[in-house]
Amino acid sequence: MAPYIVRRLLQAIPLLFGASTLTWILVHLAPGDPIVALAGEDGNAEYYAMMRERFGLDRPLGEQLVVYLGRLVRGDLGFSNRHNRPAVEVILDQLPATLLLMVPSLVIAALIGIALGAVAAGRRHTAVDATVRTTTLLGHAMPVFWLSQILLLVFAARLGWFPVQGRTDARANHEGLRAAVDVAHHMVLPVTALVSVYVPPIMRVTRASMIENLDALYIRAARARGVSRRRALIGHALPNSLLPIATVIGAQIGFMFAGAVLVETVFAWPGLGTLLLNAMLNRDYAIITASLLMLATTIIGMNLVTDIAYSVIDPRVRHGRD
């Protein structure tokens, strides 16, 4: 396992290098001037020139790219001119808020998706199966930003059951348990939006994998020995279906970061999504490139974690790899 992990980490280096280079080029070729966004449109040409020289934006793009890659090799992800702080510090400040949405959303989506997939597989070609598939298909078809706005309009603006935006109630000064309850109250709608979108792919993979295993000879043999239908489903078919389920759950991590940008924007949640959106609007190159690099690193890292999970779930994968 150790040599395989080292090999995968070495393979990730050129991928991250390529992703960083492409991201930097696309960001700098996009229309807009970061100096105008930073200093305002009322400045004169001399002031703009001084600011460009100060931040190294007066150099040719090729030279700027070489400087950026040199800093990246040293672990320097850049300096945010708008925040007047290193980009990594700004991102780390906002990361806990995004993880506070993503982790519960992923756990809940995985539990619901696996449960619905198991139910649909055990009741395939019945009304229960059709209902589960239709409901999850509708959830998958709705864009997360549209669903977020519907939840906001219905349950926050009209019914008043949940807060409209933010992570805490600005008018209150809760502490301890009441503060945790306040944050949880603000999380309900954004977490619901993320869960509704990411349950369907997990459910579909779980259903398909379990149906394949339910038709296998070992399930028939177990049933012939007197194993109950529920035990055959949960105790035999589900464990042998975990490999593709683990794959699709791991893949959702990267998509959740993308979905968080939209969900956090709708609900004004102070996380990485809101930070990245503001950075794009303000042409904050350092925040944009560092955020997208972190996203690429997360996706590559989750692929590695998924491969390791394969070996834990099914040791035959590890022996076959070697």
C-alpha atoms as a PDB file:
ATOM      1  CA  MET A   1       0.000   0.000   0.000  1.00  0.00           C
ATOM      2  CA  ALA A   2       2.773   2.480   0.878  1.00  0.00           C
ATOM      3  CA  PRO A   3       4.513   2.284  -2.542  1.00  0.00           C
ATOM      4  CA  TYR A   4       1.153   2.716  -4.251  1.00  0.00           C
ATOM      5  CA  ILE A   5       0.331   5.829  -2.199  1.00  0.00           C
ATOM      6  CA  VAL A   6       3.750   7.335  -2.934  1.00  0.00           C
ATOM      7  CA  ARG A   7       3.332   6.591  -6.634  1.00  0.00           C
ATOM      8  CA  ARG A   8      -0.093   8.241  -6.716  1.00  0.00           C
ATOM      9  CA  LEU A   9       1.227  11.304  -4.881  1.00  0.00           C
ATOM     10  CA  LEU A  10       4.038  11.637  -7.422  1.00  0.00           C
ATOM     11  CA  GLN A  11       1.511  11.348 -10.240  1.00  0.00           C
ATOM     12  CA  ALA A  12      -0.523  14.129  -8.639  1.00  0.00           C
ATOM     13  CA  ILE A  13       2.336  16.644  -8.857  1.00  0.00           C
ATOM     14  CA  PRO A  14       2.186  17.206 -12.654  1.00  0.00           C
ATOM     15  CA  LEU A  15      -1.625  17.237 -12.488  1.00  0.00           C
ATOM     16  CA  LEU A  16      -1.586  20.001  -9.892  1.00  0.00           C
ATOM     17  CA  PHE A  17       1.124  21.838 -11.821  1.00  0.00           C
ATOM     18  CA  GLY A  18      -0.934  21.689 -15.017  1.00  0.00           C
ATOM     19  CA  ALA A  19      -4.143  22.712 -13.226  1.00  0.00           C
ATOM     20  CA  SER A  20      -2.379  25.655 -11.566  1.00  0.00           C
ATOM     21  CA  THR A  21      -0.861  26.850 -14.837  1.00  0.00           C
ATOM     22  CA  LEU A  22      -4.119  26.573 -16.780  1.00  0.00           C
ATOM     23  CA  THR A  23      -6.090  28.308 -14.014  1.00  0.00           C
ATOM     24  CA  TRP A  24      -3.594  31.164 -13.848  1.00  0.00           C
ATOM     25  CA  ILE A  25      -3.649  31.661 -17.626  1.00  0.00           C
ATOM     26  CA  LEU A  26      -7.456  31.624 -17.870  1.00  0.00           C
ATOM     27  CA  VAL A  27      -7.861  34.028 -14.953  1.00  0.00           C
ATOM     28  CA  HIS A  28      -5.352  36.518 -16.362  1.00  0.00           C
ATOM     29  CA  LEU A  29      -6.780  36.338 -19.888  1.00  0.00           C
ATOM     30  CA  ALA A  30     -10.318  37.061 -18.660  1.00  0.00           C
ATOM     31  CA  PRO A  31     -11.557  40.617 -19.290  1.00  0.00           C
ATOM     32  CA  GLY A  32     -11.247  43.146 -16.499  1.00  0.00           C
ATOM     33  CA  ASP A  33      -8.502  44.972 -14.650  1.00  0.00           C
ATOM     34  CA  PRO A  34      -7.746  44.002 -11.035  1.00  0.00           C
ATOM     35  CA  ILE A  35      -6.142  47.383 -10.369  1.00  0.00           C
ATOM     36  CA  VAL A  36      -9.305  49.230 -11.396  1.00  0.00           C
ATOM     37  CA  ALA A  37     -11.360  46.833  -9.257  1.00  0.00           C
ATOM     38  CA  LEU A  38      -9.039  47.459  -6.306  1.00  0.00           C
ATOM     39  CA  ALA A  39      -8.430  51.206  -6.636  1.00  0.00           C
ATOM     40  CA  GLY A  40     -11.750  52.245  -8.186  1.00  0.00           C
ATOM     41  CA  GLU A  41     -12.530  53.882 -11.498  1.00  0.00           C
ATOM     42  CA  ASP A  42     -11.738  57.413 -10.345  1.00  0.00           C
ATOM     43  CA  GLY A  43      -7.959  57.022 -10.268  1.00  0.00           C
ATOM     44  CA  ASN A  44      -5.602  58.613 -12.806  1.00  0.00           C
ATOM     45  CA  ALA A  45      -3.217  56.835 -15.157  1.00  0.00           C
ATOM     46  CA  GLU A  46      -0.165  57.566 -13.006  1.00  0.00           C
ATOM     47  CA  TYR A  47      -1.779  56.015  -9.941  1.00  0.00           C
ATOM     48  CA  TYR A  48      -2.823  52.932 -11.900  1.00  0.00           C
ATOM     49  CA  ALA A  49       0.712  52.569 -13.252  1.00  0.00           C
ATOM     50  CA  MET A  50       2.189  52.843  -9.764  1.00  0.00           C
ATOM     51  CA  MET A  51      -0.213  50.169  -8.458  1.00  0.00           C
ATOM     52  CA  ARG A  52       0.568  47.811 -11.340  1.00  0.00           C
ATOM     53  CA  GLU A  53       4.271  48.181 -10.695  1.00  0.00           C
ATOM     54  CA  ARG A  54       3.773  47.638  -6.977  1.00  0.00           C
ATOM     55  CA  PHE A  55       1.963  44.332  -7.502  1.00  0.00           C
ATOM     56  CA  GLY A  56       4.084  43.198 -10.467  1.00  0.00           C
ATOM     57  CA  LEU A  57       1.217  43.455 -12.947  1.00  0.00           C
ATOM     58  CA  ASP A  58       3.216  45.674 -15.307  1.00  0.00           C
ATOM     59  CA  ARG A  59       5.422  42.753 -16.348  1.00  0.00           C
ATOM     60  CA  PRO A  60       4.704  40.539 -19.366  1.00  0.00           C
ATOM     61  CA  LEU A  61       2.309  37.658 -18.681  1.00  0.00           C
ATOM     62  CA  GLY A  62       5.029  35.080 -19.298  1.00  0.00           C
ATOM     63  CA  GLU A  63       7.261  36.640 -16.661  1.00  0.00           C
ATOM     64  CA  GLN A  64       4.339  36.894 -14.216  1.00  0.00           C
ATOM     65  CA  LEU A  65       3.588  33.198 -14.764  1.00  0.00           C
ATOM     66  CA  VAL A  66       7.196  32.207 -14.053  1.00  0.00           C
ATOM     67  CA  VAL A  67       7.139  34.261 -10.837  1.00  0.00           C
ATOM     68  CA  TYR A  68       3.832  32.655  -9.813  1.00  0.00           C
ATOM     69  CA  LEU A  69       5.062  29.110 -10.428  1.00  0.00           C
ATOM     70  CA  GLY A  70       8.282  29.839  -8.562  1.00  0.00           C
ATOM     71  CA  ARG A  71       6.313  31.007  -5.534  1.00  0.00           C
ATOM     72  CA  LEU A  72       3.987  28.024  -5.844  1.00  0.00           C
ATOM     73  CA  VAL A  73       6.919  25.603  -5.637  1.00  0.00           C
ATOM     74  CA  ARG A  74       7.908  27.288  -2.375  1.00  0.00           C
ATOM     75  CA  GLY A  75       4.367  26.895  -1.026  1.00  0.00           C
ATOM     76  CA  ASP A  76       3.426  30.542  -1.530  1.00  0.00           C
ATOM     77  CA  LEU A  77      -0.118  30.700  -2.961  1.00  0.00           C
ATOM     78  CA  GLY A  78      -0.019  34.445  -3.453  1.00  0.00           C
ATOM     79  CA  PHE A  79      -1.023  37.624  -1.671  1.00  0.00           C
ATOM     80  CA  SER A  80      -4.570  38.984  -1.746  1.00  0.00           C
ATOM     81  CA  ASN A  81      -4.414  42.664  -2.571  1.00  0.00           C
ATOM     82  CA  ARG A  82      -8.021  43.261  -1.534  1.00  0.00           C
ATOM     83  CA  HIS A  83      -7.690  41.523   1.848  1.00  0.00           C
ATOM     84  CA  ASN A  84      -4.075  42.659   2.320  1.00  0.00           C
ATOM     85  CA  ARG A  85      -3.205  39.175   3.579  1.00  0.00           C
ATOM     86  CA  PRO A  86      -1.735  35.970   2.152  1.00  0.00           C
ATOM     87  CA  ALA A  87      -4.374  34.117   0.140  1.00  0.00           C
ATOM     88  CA  VAL A  88      -3.953  30.899   2.109  1.00  0.00           C
ATOM     89  CA  GLU A  89      -4.779  32.716   5.373  1.00  0.00           C
ATOM     90  CA  VAL A  90      -7.958  34.172   3.890  1.00  0.00           C
ATOM     91  CA  ILE A  91      -9.042  30.777   2.556  1.00  0.00           C
ATOM     92  CA  LEU A  92      -8.314  28.978   5.818  1.00  0.00           C
ATOM     93  CA  ASP A  93     -10.440  31.532   7.651  1.00  0.00           C
ATOM     94  CA  GLN A  94     -13.438  30.705   5.442  1.00  0.00           C
ATOM     95  CA  LEU A  95     -12.834  26.946   5.124  1.00  0.00           C
ATOM     96  CA  PRO A  96     -14.491  25.915   8.436  1.00  0.00           C
ATOM     97  CA  ALA A  97     -17.773  27.549   7.395  1.00  0.00           C
ATOM     98  CA  THR A  98     -17.811  25.630   4.106  1.00  0.00           C
ATOM     99  CA  LEU A  99     -16.901  22.350   5.807  1.00  0.00           C
ATOM    100  CA  LEU A 100     -19.704  22.994   8.284  1.00  0.00           C
ATOM    101  CA  LEU A 101     -22.097  22.741   5.331  1.00  0.00           C
ATOM    102  CA  MET A 102     -20.319  20.083   3.290  1.00  0.00           C
ATOM    103  CA  VAL A 103     -19.603  17.429   5.914  1.00  0.00           C
ATOM    104  CA  PRO A 104     -23.176  17.092   7.258  1.00  0.00           C
ATOM    105  CA  SER A 105     -24.539  17.340   3.695  1.00  0.00           C
ATOM    106  CA  LEU A 106     -22.282  14.549   2.461  1.00  0.00           C
ATOM    107  CA  VAL A 107     -23.009  12.286   5.436  1.00  0.00           C
ATOM    108  CA  ILE A 108     -26.765  12.808   5.214  1.00  0.00           C
ATOM    109  CA  ALA A 109     -26.776  12.410   1.427  1.00  0.00           C
ATOM    110  CA  ALA A 110     -24.776   9.179   1.697  1.00  0.00           C
ATOM    111  CA  LEU A 111     -27.045   7.695   4.367  1.00  0.00           C
ATOM    112  CA  ILE A 112     -30.251   8.650   2.561  1.00  0.00           C
ATOM    113  CA  GLY A 113     -28.919   7.635  -0.842  1.00  0.00           C
ATOM    114  CA  ILE A 114     -27.746   4.211   0.334  1.00  0.00           C
ATOM    115  CA  ALA A 115     -30.987   3.601   2.236  1.00  0.00           C
ATOM    116  CA  LEU A 116     -33.170   4.585  -0.717  1.00  0.00           C
ATOM    117  CA  GLY A 117     -31.016   2.567  -3.097  1.00  0.00           C
ATOM    118  CA  ALA A 118     -31.312  -0.511  -0.892  1.00  0.00           C
ATOM    119  CA  VAL A 119     -35.085  -0.093  -0.616  1.00  0.00           C
ATOM    120  CA  ALA A 120     -35.445   0.382  -4.372  1.00  0.00           C
ATOM    121  CA  ALA A 121     -33.273  -2.648  -5.096  1.00  0.00           C
ATOM    122  CA  GLY A 122     -35.174  -4.824  -2.642  1.00  0.00           C
ATOM    123  CA  ARG A 123     -38.503  -3.691  -4.143  1.00  0.00           C
ATOM    124  CA  ARG A 124     -37.431  -3.399  -7.771  1.00  0.00           C
ATOM    125  CA  HIS A 125     -40.096  -3.084 -10.446  1.00  0.00           C
ATOM    126  CA  THR A 126     -42.710  -2.183  -7.821  1.00  0.00           C
ATOM    127  CA  ALA A 127     -44.494   1.047  -6.967  1.00  0.00           C
ATOM    128  CA  VAL A 128     -41.947   1.683  -4.201  1.00  0.00           C
ATOM    129  CA  ASP A 129     -39.065   1.401  -6.658  1.00  0.00           C
ATOM    130  CA  ALA A 130     -40.780   3.681  -9.172  1.00  0.00           C
ATOM    131  CA  THR A 131     -41.568   6.269  -6.496  1.00  0.00           C
ATOM    132  CA  VAL A 132     -37.993   6.358  -5.203  1.00  0.00           C
ATOM    133  CA  ARG A 133     -36.514   6.655  -8.683  1.00  0.00           C
ATOM    134  CA  THR A 134     -38.960   9.342  -9.784  1.00  0.00           C
ATOM    135  CA  THR A 135     -38.489  11.423  -6.642  1.00  0.00           C
ATOM    136  CA  THR A 136     -34.702  11.305  -6.793  1.00  0.00           C
ATOM    137  CA  LEU A 137     -34.754  12.011 -10.524  1.00  0.00           C
ATOM    138  CA  LEU A 138     -36.688  15.210  -9.857  1.00  0.00           C
ATOM    139  CA  GLY A 139     -34.167  16.180  -7.200  1.00  0.00           C
ATOM    140  CA  HIS A 140     -31.285  15.534  -9.588  1.00  0.00           C
ATOM    141  CA  ALA A 141     -32.939  17.543 -12.378  1.00  0.00           C
ATOM    142  CA  MET A 142     -33.298  20.706 -10.276  1.00  0.00           C
ATOM    143  CA  PRO A 143     -30.281  23.049 -10.384  1.00  0.00           C
ATOM    144  CA  VAL A 144     -28.963  23.617  -6.898  1.00  0.00           C
ATOM    145  CA  PHE A 145     -29.169  27.423  -7.174  1.00  0.00           C
ATOM    146  CA  TRP A 146     -32.834  27.213  -8.279  1.00  0.00           C
ATOM    147  CA  LEU A 147     -33.717  24.779  -5.510  1.00  0.00           C
ATOM    148  CA  SER A 148     -31.939  27.019  -2.989  1.00  0.00           C
ATOM    149  CA  GLN A 149     -34.008  30.006  -4.041  1.00  0.00           C
ATOM    150  CA  ILE A 150     -37.254  27.991  -3.855  1.00  0.00           C
ATOM    151  CA  LEU A 151     -36.399  26.837  -0.326  1.00  0.00           C
ATOM    152  CA  LEU A 152     -35.502  30.395   0.617  1.00  0.00           C
ATOM    153  CA  LEU A 153     -38.717  31.869  -0.759  1.00  0.00           C
ATOM    154  CA  VAL A 154     -41.046  29.215   0.690  1.00  0.00           C
ATOM    155  CA  PHE A 155     -39.573  28.285   4.069  1.00  0.00           C
ATOM    156  CA  ALA A 156     -37.757  31.505   4.976  1.00  0.00           C
ATOM    157  CA  ALA A 157     -39.478  34.449   3.277  1.00  0.00           C
ATOM    158  CA  ARG A 158     -43.071  33.178   3.224  1.00  0.00           C
ATOM    159  CA  LEU A 159     -43.416  30.744   6.134  1.00  0.00           C
ATOM    160  CA  GLY A 160     -40.687  32.274   8.287  1.00  0.00           C
ATOM    161  CA  TRP A 161     -39.583  28.913   9.657  1.00  0.00           C
ATOM    162  CA  PHE A 162     -35.888  29.464   8.986  1.00  0.00           C
ATOM    163  CA  PRO A 163     -33.533  32.461   8.712  1.00  0.00           C
ATOM    164  CA  VAL A 164     -33.155  34.134   5.346  1.00  0.00           C
ATOM    165  CA  GLN A 165     -29.368  34.353   5.306  1.00  0.00           C
ATOM    166  CA  GLY A 166     -26.147  34.212   7.284  1.00  0.00           C
ATOM    167  CA  ARG A 167     -24.688  31.701   9.723  1.00  0.00           C
ATOM    168  CA  THR A 168     -25.854  33.266  12.972  1.00  0.00           C
ATOM    169  CA  ASP A 169     -28.488  35.718  14.143  1.00  0.00           C
ATOM    170  CA  ALA A 170     -26.805  39.136  14.092  1.00  0.00           C
ATOM    171  CA  ARG A 171     -29.373  40.526  16.525  1.00  0.00           C
ATOM    172  CA  ALA A 172     -28.637  37.927  19.214  1.00  0.00           C
ATOM    173  CA  ASN A 173     -25.529  37.165  21.202  1.00  0.00           C
ATOM    174  CA  HIS A 174     -25.929  33.465  21.901  1.00  0.00           C
ATOM    175  CA  GLU A 175     -23.293  31.403  23.670  1.00  0.00           C
ATOM    176  CA  GLY A 176     -22.750  27.715  24.275  1.00  0.00           C
ATOM    177  CA  LEU A 177     -25.605  25.402  23.364  1.00  0.00           C
ATOM    178  CA  ARG A 178     -27.870  28.219  22.210  1.00  0.00           C
ATOM    179  CA  ALA A 179     -25.181  29.389  19.788  1.00  0.00           C
ATOM    180  CA  ALA A 180     -24.871  25.858  18.366  1.00  0.00           C
ATOM    181  CA  VAL A 181     -28.657  25.635  17.969  1.00  0.00           C
ATOM    182  CA  ASP A 182     -28.669  29.011  16.213  1.00  0.00           C
ATOM    183  CA  VAL A 183     -26.022  27.859  13.718  1.00  0.00           C
ATOM    184  CA  ALA A 184     -27.871  24.572  13.150  1.00  0.00           C
ATOM    185  CA  HIS A 185     -31.074  26.536  12.501  1.00  0.00           C
ATOM    186  CA  HIS A 186     -29.293  28.566   9.811  1.00  0.00           C
ATOM    187  CA  MET A 187     -27.831  25.374   8.288  1.00  0.00           C
ATOM    188  CA  VAL A 188     -31.119  23.591   7.631  1.00  0.00           C
ATOM    189  CA  LEU A 189     -32.001  25.155   4.275  1.00  0.00           C
ATOM    190  CA  PRO A 190     -28.519  25.176   2.642  1.00  0.00           C
ATOM    191  CA  VAL A 191     -27.852  21.614   3.812  1.00  0.00           C
ATOM    192  CA  THR A 192     -31.248  20.536   2.474  1.00  0.00           C
ATOM    193  CA  ALA A 193     -30.416  22.042  -0.916  1.00  0.00           C
ATOM    194  CA  LEU A 194     -27.071  20.226  -1.108  1.00  0.00           C
ATOM    195  CA  VAL A 195     -28.507  16.924   0.121  1.00  0.00           C
ATOM    196  CA  SER A 196     -31.378  17.021  -2.372  1.00  0.00           C
ATOM    197  CA  VAL A 197     -28.957  17.365  -5.270  1.00  0.00           C
ATOM    198  CA  TYR A 198     -26.403  14.729  -4.194  1.00  0.00           C
ATOM    199  CA  VAL A 199     -28.724  11.959  -2.975  1.00  0.00           C
ATOM    200  CA  PRO A 200     -29.820  10.858  -6.510  1.00  0.00           C
ATOM    201  CA  PRO A 201     -26.410   9.729  -7.890  1.00  0.00           C
ATOM    202  CA  ILE A 202     -25.677   7.801  -4.695  1.00  0.00           C
ATOM    203  CA  MET A 203     -29.126   6.196  -4.788  1.00  0.00           C
ATOM    204  CA  ARG A 204     -28.816   5.176  -8.448  1.00  0.00           C
ATOM    205  CA  VAL A 205     -25.393   3.589  -8.024  1.00  0.00           C
ATOM    206  CA  THR A 206     -26.498   1.802  -4.837  1.00  0.00           C
ATOM    207  CA  ARG A 207     -29.614   0.426  -6.534  1.00  0.00           C
ATOM    208  CA  ALA A 208     -27.795  -0.756  -9.660  1.00  0.00           C
ATOM    209  CA  SER A 209     -24.949  -2.361  -7.716  1.00  0.00           C
ATOM    210  CA  MET A 210     -27.259  -4.111  -5.261  1.00  0.00           C
ATOM    211  CA  ILE A 211     -29.520  -5.435  -8.012  1.00  0.00           C
ATOM    212  CA  GLU A 212     -26.455  -6.921  -9.679  1.00  0.00           C
ATOM    213  CA  ASN A 213     -25.430  -8.587  -6.423  1.00  0.00           C
ATOM    214  CA  LEU A 214     -28.961  -9.767  -5.630  1.00  0.00           C
ATOM    215  CA  ASP A 215     -28.917 -11.740  -8.872  1.00  0.00           C
ATOM    216  CA  ALA A 216     -25.611 -13.392  -7.983  1.00  0.00           C
ATOM    217  CA  LEU A 217     -25.397 -17.090  -7.129  1.00  0.00           C
ATOM    218  CA  TYR A 218     -24.159 -16.496  -3.570  1.00  0.00           C
ATOM    219  CA  ILE A 219     -27.391 -14.653  -2.728  1.00  0.00           C
ATOM    220  CA  ARG A 220     -29.450 -17.502  -4.120  1.00  0.00           C
ATOM    221  CA  ALA A 221     -27.367 -19.955  -2.116  1.00  0.00           C
ATOM    222  CA  ALA A 222     -27.873 -17.901   1.039  1.00  0.00           C
ATOM    223  CA  ARG A 223     -31.611 -17.767   0.467  1.00  0.00           C
ATOM    224  CA  ALA A 224     -31.637 -21.539  -0.100  1.00  0.00           C
ATOM    225  CA  ARG A 225     -29.952 -22.006   3.292  1.00  0.00           C
ATOM    226  CA  GLY A 226     -32.818 -20.137   4.924  1.00  0.00           C
ATOM    227  CA  VAL A 227     -31.332 -16.628   5.152  1.00  0.00           C
ATOM    228  CA  SER A 228     -34.115 -14.059   5.362  1.00  0.00           C
ATOM    229  CA  ARG A 229     -34.707 -11.614   2.543  1.00  0.00           C
ATOM    230  CA  ARG A 230     -33.712  -8.616   4.670  1.00  0.00           C
ATOM    231  CA  ARG A 231     -30.511 -10.260   5.877  1.00  0.00           C
ATOM    232  CA  ALA A 232     -29.575 -11.246   2.337  1.00  0.00           C
ATOM    233  CA  LEU A 233     -30.148  -7.661   1.250  1.00  0.00           C
ATOM    234  CA  ILE A 234     -28.385  -5.852   4.104  1.00  0.00           C
ATOM    235  CA  GLY A 235     -25.897  -8.451   5.274  1.00  0.00           C
ATOM    236  CA  HIS A 236     -24.766  -9.864   1.938  1.00  0.00           C
ATOM    237  CA  ALA A 237     -25.665  -7.675  -1.040  1.00  0.00           C
ATOM    238  CA  LEU A 238     -24.946  -4.272   0.531  1.00  0.00           C
ATOM    239  CA  PRO A 239     -21.372  -4.986   1.731  1.00  0.00           C
ATOM    240  CA  ASN A 240     -20.478  -6.353  -1.699  1.00  0.00           C
ATOM    241  CA  SER A 241     -21.897  -3.221  -3.329  1.00  0.00           C
ATOM    242  CA  LEU A 242     -19.754  -0.745  -1.382  1.00  0.00           C
ATOM    243  CA  LEU A 243     -16.959  -0.311  -3.949  1.00  0.00           C
ATOM    244  CA  PRO A 244     -18.989   1.607  -6.574  1.00  0.00           C
ATOM    245  CA  ILE A 245     -20.868   3.397  -3.770  1.00  0.00           C
ATOM    246  CA  ALA A 246     -17.562   4.597  -2.286  1.00  0.00           C
ATOM    247  CA  THR A 247     -16.514   5.815  -5.738  1.00  0.00           C
ATOM    248  CA  VAL A 248     -19.589   7.959  -6.289  1.00  0.00           C
ATOM    249  CA  ILE A 249     -19.485   9.346  -2.730  1.00  0.00           C
ATOM    250  CA  GLY A 250     -15.858  10.347  -3.184  1.00  0.00           C
ATOM    251  CA  ALA A 251     -16.682  12.015  -6.488  1.00  0.00           C
ATOM    252  CA  GLN A 252     -19.339  14.142  -4.816  1.00  0.00           C
ATOM    253  CA  ILE A 253     -16.700  15.989  -2.764  1.00  0.00           C
ATOM    254  CA  GLY A 254     -15.471  18.007  -5.723  1.00  0.00           C
ATOM    255  CA  PHE A 255     -18.985  18.672  -6.989  1.00  0.00           C
ATOM    256  CA  MET A 256     -20.027  19.829  -3.526  1.00  0.00           C
ATOM    257  CA  PHE A 257     -17.343  22.520  -3.563  1.00  0.00           C
ATOM    258  CA  ALA A 258     -18.787  23.763  -6.858  1.00  0.00           C
ATOM    259  CA  GLY A 259     -22.327  23.573  -5.483  1.00  0.00           C
ATOM    260  CA  ALA A 260     -21.246  25.396  -2.339  1.00  0.00           C
ATOM    261  CA  VAL A 261     -20.385  28.470  -4.417  1.00  0.00           C
ATOM    262  CA  LEU A 262     -24.016  28.769  -5.508  1.00  0.00           C
ATOM    263  CA  VAL A 263     -25.639  27.698  -2.244  1.00  0.00           C
ATOM    264  CA  GLU A 264     -23.502  30.010  -0.121  1.00  0.00           C
ATOM    265  CA  THR A 265     -24.269  32.879  -2.480  1.00  0.00           C
ATOM    266  CA  VAL A 266     -28.040  32.366  -2.232  1.00  0.00           C
ATOM    267  CA  PHE A 267     -28.032  32.039   1.556  1.00  0.00           C
ATOM    268  CA  ALA A 268     -25.219  34.579   2.150  1.00  0.00           C
ATOM    269  CA  TRP A 269     -23.277  31.884   3.981  1.00  0.00           C
ATOM    270  CA  PRO A 270     -19.780  33.191   4.823  1.00  0.00           C
ATOM    271  CA  GLY A 271     -17.694  30.370   3.350  1.00  0.00           C
ATOM    272  CA  LEU A 272     -15.391  29.594   0.448  1.00  0.00           C
ATOM    273  CA  GLY A 273     -18.188  29.898  -2.095  1.00  0.00           C
ATOM    274  CA  THR A 274     -18.945  33.477  -1.119  1.00  0.00           C
ATOM    275  CA  LEU A 275     -15.220  34.233  -0.925  1.00  0.00           C
ATOM    276  CA  LEU A 276     -14.589  32.858  -4.427  1.00  0.00           C
ATOM    277  CA  LEU A 277     -17.540  34.742  -5.911  1.00  0.00           C
ATOM    278  CA  ASN A 278     -16.364  38.033  -4.393  1.00  0.00           C
ATOM    279  CA  ALA A 279     -12.832  37.316  -5.591  1.00  0.00           C
ATOM    280  CA  MET A 280     -14.100  36.845  -9.146  1.00  0.00           C
ATOM    281  CA  LEU A 281     -16.109  40.052  -9.003  1.00  0.00           C
ATOM    282  CA  ASN A 282     -13.126  41.972  -7.583  1.00  0.00           C
ATOM    283  CA  ARG A 283     -10.508  40.316  -9.817  1.00  0.00           C
ATOM    284  CA  ASP A 284      -8.576  39.009  -6.808  1.00  0.00           C
ATOM    285  CA  TYR A 285      -6.203  36.743  -8.725  1.00  0.00           C
ATOM    286  CA  ALA A 286      -4.535  35.236  -5.658  1.00  0.00           C
ATOM    287  CA  ILE A 287      -7.796  34.097  -4.063  1.00  0.00           C
ATOM    288  CA  ILE A 288      -9.153  32.691  -7.341  1.00  0.00           C
ATOM    289  CA  THR A 289      -6.060  30.678  -8.235  1.00  0.00           C
ATOM    290  CA  ALA A 290      -5.519  29.461  -4.661  1.00  0.00           C
ATOM    291  CA  SER A 291      -9.174  28.397  -4.305  1.00  0.00           C
ATOM    292  CA  LEU A 292      -9.217  26.495  -7.602  1.00  0.00           C
ATOM    293  CA  LEU A 293      -5.888  24.876  -6.760  1.00  0.00           C
ATOM    294  CA  MET A 294      -7.352  23.755  -3.447  1.00  0.00           C
ATOM    295  CA  LEU A 295     -10.355  22.336  -5.318  1.00  0.00           C
ATOM    296  CA  ALA A 296      -8.095  20.389  -7.682  1.00  0.00           C
ATOM    297  CA  THR A 297      -6.060  19.116  -4.731  1.00  0.00           C
ATOM    298  CA  THR A 298      -9.250  18.012  -2.981  1.00  0.00           C
ATOM    299  CA  ILE A 299     -10.462  16.064  -6.023  1.00  0.00           C
ATOM    300  CA  ILE A 300      -7.109  14.338  -6.501  1.00  0.00           C
ATOM    301  CA  GLY A 301      -6.880  13.625  -2.773  1.00  0.00           C
ATOM    302  CA  MET A 302     -10.389  12.164  -2.671  1.00  0.00           C
ATOM    303  CA  ASN A 303      -9.528   9.874  -5.596  1.00  0.00           C
ATOM    304  CA  LEU A 304      -6.560   8.618  -3.579  1.00  0.00           C
ATOM    305  CA  VAL A 305      -8.701   8.177  -0.452  1.00  0.00           C
ATOM    306  CA  THR A 306     -11.264   6.268  -2.538  1.00  0.00           C
ATOM    307  CA  ASP A 307      -8.582   3.911  -3.842  1.00  0.00           C
ATOM    308  CA  ILE A 308      -7.376   3.303  -0.294  1.00  0.00           C
ATOM    309  CA  ALA A 309     -10.972   2.695   0.802  1.00  0.00           C
ATOM    310  CA  TYR A 310     -11.223   0.096  -1.970  1.00  0.00           C
ATOM    311  CA  SER A 311      -8.382  -1.845  -0.405  1.00  0.00           C
ATOM    312  CA  VAL A 312      -9.916  -1.615   3.066  1.00  0.00           C
ATOM    313  CA  ILE A 313     -13.352  -2.706   1.873  1.00  0.00           C
ATOM    314  CA  ASP A 314     -12.073  -5.473  -0.387  1.00  0.00           C
ATOM    315  CA  PRO A 315      -8.481  -6.703   0.217  1.00  0.00           C
ATOM    316  CA  ARG A 316      -8.590  -8.467  -3.142  1.00  0.00           C
ATOM    317  CA  VAL A 317      -8.229  -5.066  -4.791  1.00  0.00           C
ATOM    318  CA  ARG A 318      -4.927  -4.475  -2.961  1.00  0.00           C
ATOM    319  CA  HIS A 319      -3.533  -7.882  -3.847  1.00  0.00           C
ATOM    320  CA  GLY A 320      -4.667  -7.516  -7.432  1.00  0.00           C
ATOM    321  CA  ARG A 321      -3.014  -4.088  -7.675  1.00  0.00           C
ATOM    322  CA  ASP A 322       0.305  -5.459  -6.511  1.00  0.00           C
END
